[in-house]
Amino acid sequence: MIKKLRAAILILIIALITVIGWWLWVSPKGEFSCDSRNGGAPTPESAATSFIKSLAARDAEAACRTITNKIGVDELQMQLDWIWQRLGQPTDPSEIDVTIGLQSGNTFPLTLEGPSGTVDLNIMSFLDWYRVTLQ
């Protein structure tokens, strides 16, 4: 009887640790991503690179995997089109100069400079990943 009680308590403790881990570690990450996934790029540079590739391709679904904003694909496509127009309609990522500033809190300033314009955004860091934030 005591062994069964110990086993039940152990299972309960493991379940509790799992739930708390999910609640504190995995779930919050999904709150800060367009696609509700709990991941992002491993560095600010790779987040910016992924974003400008999706921007040059005008691919809202790919951009959703790299941004924090909780918006629909249609609204995201409109914002990408606005940024794309503002930068001068770059068709290749190499046409966009990327400048990442010094970290302030959990954000890095991100400046994109295209053939005929500049756009200022941010890169947000959360635990161990980075995503671009549209303003």
C-alpha atoms as a PDB file:
ATOM      1  CA  MET A   1       0.000   0.000   0.000  1.00  0.00           C
ATOM      2  CA  ILE A   2       2.797   2.425   0.883  1.00  0.00           C
ATOM      3  CA  LYS A   3       4.624   1.659  -2.390  1.00  0.00           C
ATOM      4  CA  LYS A   4       1.475   2.452  -4.383  1.00  0.00           C
ATOM      5  CA  LEU A   5       1.015   5.690  -2.462  1.00  0.00           C
ATOM      6  CA  ARG A   6       4.648   6.696  -3.088  1.00  0.00           C
ATOM      7  CA  ALA A   7       4.295   5.869  -6.784  1.00  0.00           C
ATOM      8  CA  ALA A   8       1.100   7.926  -7.021  1.00  0.00           C
ATOM      9  CA  ILE A   9       2.748  10.871  -5.270  1.00  0.00           C
ATOM     10  CA  LEU A  10       5.785  10.620  -7.553  1.00  0.00           C
ATOM     11  CA  ILE A  11       3.566  10.599 -10.649  1.00  0.00           C
ATOM     12  CA  LEU A  12       1.654  13.587  -9.294  1.00  0.00           C
ATOM     13  CA  ILE A  13       4.893  15.500  -8.653  1.00  0.00           C
ATOM     14  CA  ILE A  14       6.190  14.739 -12.165  1.00  0.00           C
ATOM     15  CA  ALA A  15       2.882  15.859 -13.682  1.00  0.00           C
ATOM     16  CA  LEU A  16       2.962  19.053 -11.625  1.00  0.00           C
ATOM     17  CA  ILE A  17       6.532  19.834 -12.711  1.00  0.00           C
ATOM     18  CA  THR A  18       5.546  19.232 -16.346  1.00  0.00           C
ATOM     19  CA  VAL A  19       2.541  21.556 -16.111  1.00  0.00           C
ATOM     20  CA  ILE A  20       4.538  24.284 -14.380  1.00  0.00           C
ATOM     21  CA  GLY A  21       7.327  23.932 -16.952  1.00  0.00           C
ATOM     22  CA  TRP A  22       4.828  24.262 -19.788  1.00  0.00           C
ATOM     23  CA  TRP A  23       3.159  27.235 -18.148  1.00  0.00           C
ATOM     24  CA  LEU A  24       6.377  29.120 -17.375  1.00  0.00           C
ATOM     25  CA  TRP A  25       8.626  28.162 -20.298  1.00  0.00           C
ATOM     26  CA  VAL A  26       6.798  26.976 -23.414  1.00  0.00           C
ATOM     27  CA  SER A  27       3.471  28.801 -23.329  1.00  0.00           C
ATOM     28  CA  PRO A  28       4.801  32.367 -22.866  1.00  0.00           C
ATOM     29  CA  LYS A  29       7.004  32.033 -25.933  1.00  0.00           C
ATOM     30  CA  GLY A  30       3.960  31.384 -28.109  1.00  0.00           C
ATOM     31  CA  GLU A  31       2.393  34.617 -26.893  1.00  0.00           C
ATOM     32  CA  PHE A  32       5.126  36.606 -28.628  1.00  0.00           C
ATOM     33  CA  SER A  33       4.993  35.133 -32.113  1.00  0.00           C
ATOM     34  CA  CYS A  34       2.809  35.665 -35.153  1.00  0.00           C
ATOM     35  CA  ASP A  35       2.516  31.928 -35.771  1.00  0.00           C
ATOM     36  CA  SER A  36       1.981  31.088 -32.052  1.00  0.00           C
ATOM     37  CA  ARG A  37       5.011  28.836 -32.062  1.00  0.00           C
ATOM     38  CA  ASN A  38       7.401  28.866 -29.176  1.00  0.00           C
ATOM     39  CA  GLY A  39      10.577  29.462 -31.084  1.00  0.00           C
ATOM     40  CA  GLY A  40      12.489  31.946 -33.134  1.00  0.00           C
ATOM     41  CA  ALA A  41      15.872  32.631 -34.609  1.00  0.00           C
ATOM     42  CA  PRO A  42      18.932  31.808 -32.482  1.00  0.00           C
ATOM     43  CA  THR A  43      20.529  35.260 -32.997  1.00  0.00           C
ATOM     44  CA  PRO A  44      19.324  38.794 -33.810  1.00  0.00           C
ATOM     45  CA  GLU A  45      21.238  38.623 -37.089  1.00  0.00           C
ATOM     46  CA  SER A  46      19.494  35.447 -38.211  1.00  0.00           C
ATOM     47  CA  ALA A  47      16.096  36.938 -37.278  1.00  0.00           C
ATOM     48  CA  ALA A  48      16.839  39.990 -39.434  1.00  0.00           C
ATOM     49  CA  THR A  49      18.117  37.829 -42.303  1.00  0.00           C
ATOM     50  CA  SER A  50      15.013  35.632 -42.274  1.00  0.00           C
ATOM     51  CA  PHE A  51      12.782  38.692 -42.205  1.00  0.00           C
ATOM     52  CA  ILE A  52      14.462  40.466 -45.133  1.00  0.00           C
ATOM     53  CA  LYS A  53      14.351  37.268 -47.199  1.00  0.00           C
ATOM     54  CA  SER A  54      10.599  37.029 -46.640  1.00  0.00           C
ATOM     55  CA  LEU A  55      10.253  40.781 -47.267  1.00  0.00           C
ATOM     56  CA  ALA A  56      12.093  40.656 -50.601  1.00  0.00           C
ATOM     57  CA  ALA A  57       9.997  37.639 -51.625  1.00  0.00           C
ATOM     58  CA  ARG A  58       6.851  39.360 -50.232  1.00  0.00           C
ATOM     59  CA  ASP A  59       6.005  36.098 -48.490  1.00  0.00           C
ATOM     60  CA  ALA A  60       3.695  36.809 -45.541  1.00  0.00           C
ATOM     61  CA  GLU A  61       3.644  33.200 -44.337  1.00  0.00           C
ATOM     62  CA  ALA A  62       7.446  33.083 -44.116  1.00  0.00           C
ATOM     63  CA  ALA A  63       7.468  36.497 -42.422  1.00  0.00           C
ATOM     64  CA  CYS A  64       4.964  35.224 -39.859  1.00  0.00           C
ATOM     65  CA  ARG A  65       7.563  32.687 -38.740  1.00  0.00           C
ATOM     66  CA  THR A  66       9.981  35.527 -37.965  1.00  0.00           C
ATOM     67  CA  ILE A  67       7.874  38.263 -36.345  1.00  0.00           C
ATOM     68  CA  THR A  68       6.320  38.786 -32.922  1.00  0.00           C
ATOM     69  CA  ASN A  69       3.153  40.609 -33.943  1.00  0.00           C
ATOM     70  CA  LYS A  70      -0.105  38.677 -33.503  1.00  0.00           C
ATOM     71  CA  ILE A  71      -1.747  39.625 -36.806  1.00  0.00           C
ATOM     72  CA  GLY A  72      -3.418  37.748 -39.617  1.00  0.00           C
ATOM     73  CA  VAL A  73      -1.720  36.931 -42.898  1.00  0.00           C
ATOM     74  CA  ASP A  74      -3.739  39.554 -44.828  1.00  0.00           C
ATOM     75  CA  GLU A  75      -2.812  42.374 -42.457  1.00  0.00           C
ATOM     76  CA  LEU A  76       0.785  41.155 -42.404  1.00  0.00           C
ATOM     77  CA  GLN A  77       0.853  41.166 -46.219  1.00  0.00           C
ATOM     78  CA  MET A  78      -0.346  44.798 -46.202  1.00  0.00           C
ATOM     79  CA  GLN A  79       2.398  45.771 -43.742  1.00  0.00           C
ATOM     80  CA  LEU A  80       5.040  43.901 -45.747  1.00  0.00           C
ATOM     81  CA  ASP A  81       3.867  45.666 -48.916  1.00  0.00           C
ATOM     82  CA  TRP A  82       4.106  49.039 -47.147  1.00  0.00           C
ATOM     83  CA  ILE A  83       7.651  48.299 -45.929  1.00  0.00           C
ATOM     84  CA  TRP A  84       8.608  46.914 -49.352  1.00  0.00           C
ATOM     85  CA  GLN A  85       7.321  50.087 -51.083  1.00  0.00           C
ATOM     86  CA  ARG A  86       9.035  52.323 -48.534  1.00  0.00           C
ATOM     87  CA  LEU A  87      12.389  50.591 -49.090  1.00  0.00           C
ATOM     88  CA  GLY A  88      12.119  51.033 -52.869  1.00  0.00           C
ATOM     89  CA  GLN A  89      10.690  47.652 -53.884  1.00  0.00           C
ATOM     90  CA  PRO A  90      13.802  45.509 -53.385  1.00  0.00           C
ATOM     91  CA  THR A  91      13.577  42.137 -55.116  1.00  0.00           C
ATOM     92  CA  ASP A  92      16.709  40.646 -53.605  1.00  0.00           C
ATOM     93  CA  PRO A  93      17.748  40.585 -49.929  1.00  0.00           C
ATOM     94  CA  SER A  94      21.177  41.909 -50.929  1.00  0.00           C
ATOM     95  CA  GLU A  95      19.501  45.224 -51.863  1.00  0.00           C
ATOM     96  CA  ILE A  96      18.570  45.784 -48.211  1.00  0.00           C
ATOM     97  CA  ASP A  97      21.218  47.021 -45.777  1.00  0.00           C
ATOM     98  CA  VAL A  98      20.607  45.818 -42.228  1.00  0.00           C
ATOM     99  CA  THR A  99      21.822  47.638 -39.120  1.00  0.00           C
ATOM    100  CA  ILE A 100      21.237  46.129 -35.693  1.00  0.00           C
ATOM    101  CA  GLY A 101      21.811  48.493 -32.785  1.00  0.00           C
ATOM    102  CA  LEU A 102      22.801  47.803 -29.199  1.00  0.00           C
ATOM    103  CA  GLN A 103      20.410  45.863 -27.016  1.00  0.00           C
ATOM    104  CA  SER A 104      18.184  47.914 -24.725  1.00  0.00           C
ATOM    105  CA  GLY A 105      16.195  45.728 -22.353  1.00  0.00           C
ATOM    106  CA  ASN A 106      14.783  42.913 -24.446  1.00  0.00           C
ATOM    107  CA  THR A 107      14.913  44.728 -27.806  1.00  0.00           C
ATOM    108  CA  PHE A 108      17.492  45.556 -30.429  1.00  0.00           C
ATOM    109  CA  PRO A 109      16.824  48.474 -32.807  1.00  0.00           C
ATOM    110  CA  LEU A 110      16.726  47.258 -36.418  1.00  0.00           C
ATOM    111  CA  THR A 111      17.155  49.614 -39.368  1.00  0.00           C
ATOM    112  CA  LEU A 112      16.489  48.414 -42.902  1.00  0.00           C
ATOM    113  CA  GLU A 113      17.773  50.596 -45.727  1.00  0.00           C
ATOM    114  CA  GLY A 114      16.663  49.872 -49.274  1.00  0.00           C
ATOM    115  CA  PRO A 115      17.334  51.507 -52.647  1.00  0.00           C
ATOM    116  CA  SER A 116      15.113  54.496 -51.845  1.00  0.00           C
ATOM    117  CA  GLY A 117      14.143  54.495 -48.196  1.00  0.00           C
ATOM    118  CA  THR A 118      14.653  53.442 -44.600  1.00  0.00           C
ATOM    119  CA  VAL A 119      12.425  51.614 -42.123  1.00  0.00           C
ATOM    120  CA  ASP A 120      13.048  51.329 -38.380  1.00  0.00           C
ATOM    121  CA  LEU A 121      11.858  48.178 -36.612  1.00  0.00           C
ATOM    122  CA  ASN A 122      12.939  46.204 -33.553  1.00  0.00           C
ATOM    123  CA  ILE A 123      14.154  42.719 -32.788  1.00  0.00           C
ATOM    124  CA  MET A 124      12.720  41.286 -29.596  1.00  0.00           C
ATOM    125  CA  SER A 125      14.629  38.781 -27.509  1.00  0.00           C
ATOM    126  CA  PHE A 126      12.689  36.395 -25.321  1.00  0.00           C
ATOM    127  CA  LEU A 127      14.479  33.732 -23.317  1.00  0.00           C
ATOM    128  CA  ASP A 128      16.618  32.084 -26.008  1.00  0.00           C
ATOM    129  CA  TRP A 129      15.163  33.285 -29.316  1.00  0.00           C
ATOM    130  CA  TYR A 130      14.770  36.437 -31.401  1.00  0.00           C
ATOM    131  CA  ARG A 131      11.969  37.742 -33.636  1.00  0.00           C
ATOM    132  CA  VAL A 132      11.392  40.973 -35.552  1.00  0.00           C
ATOM    133  CA  THR A 133       8.709  43.326 -34.216  1.00  0.00           C
ATOM    134  CA  LEU A 134       6.761  45.473 -36.667  1.00  0.00           C
ATOM    135  CA  GLN A 135       5.903  48.943 -35.368  1.00  0.00           C
END
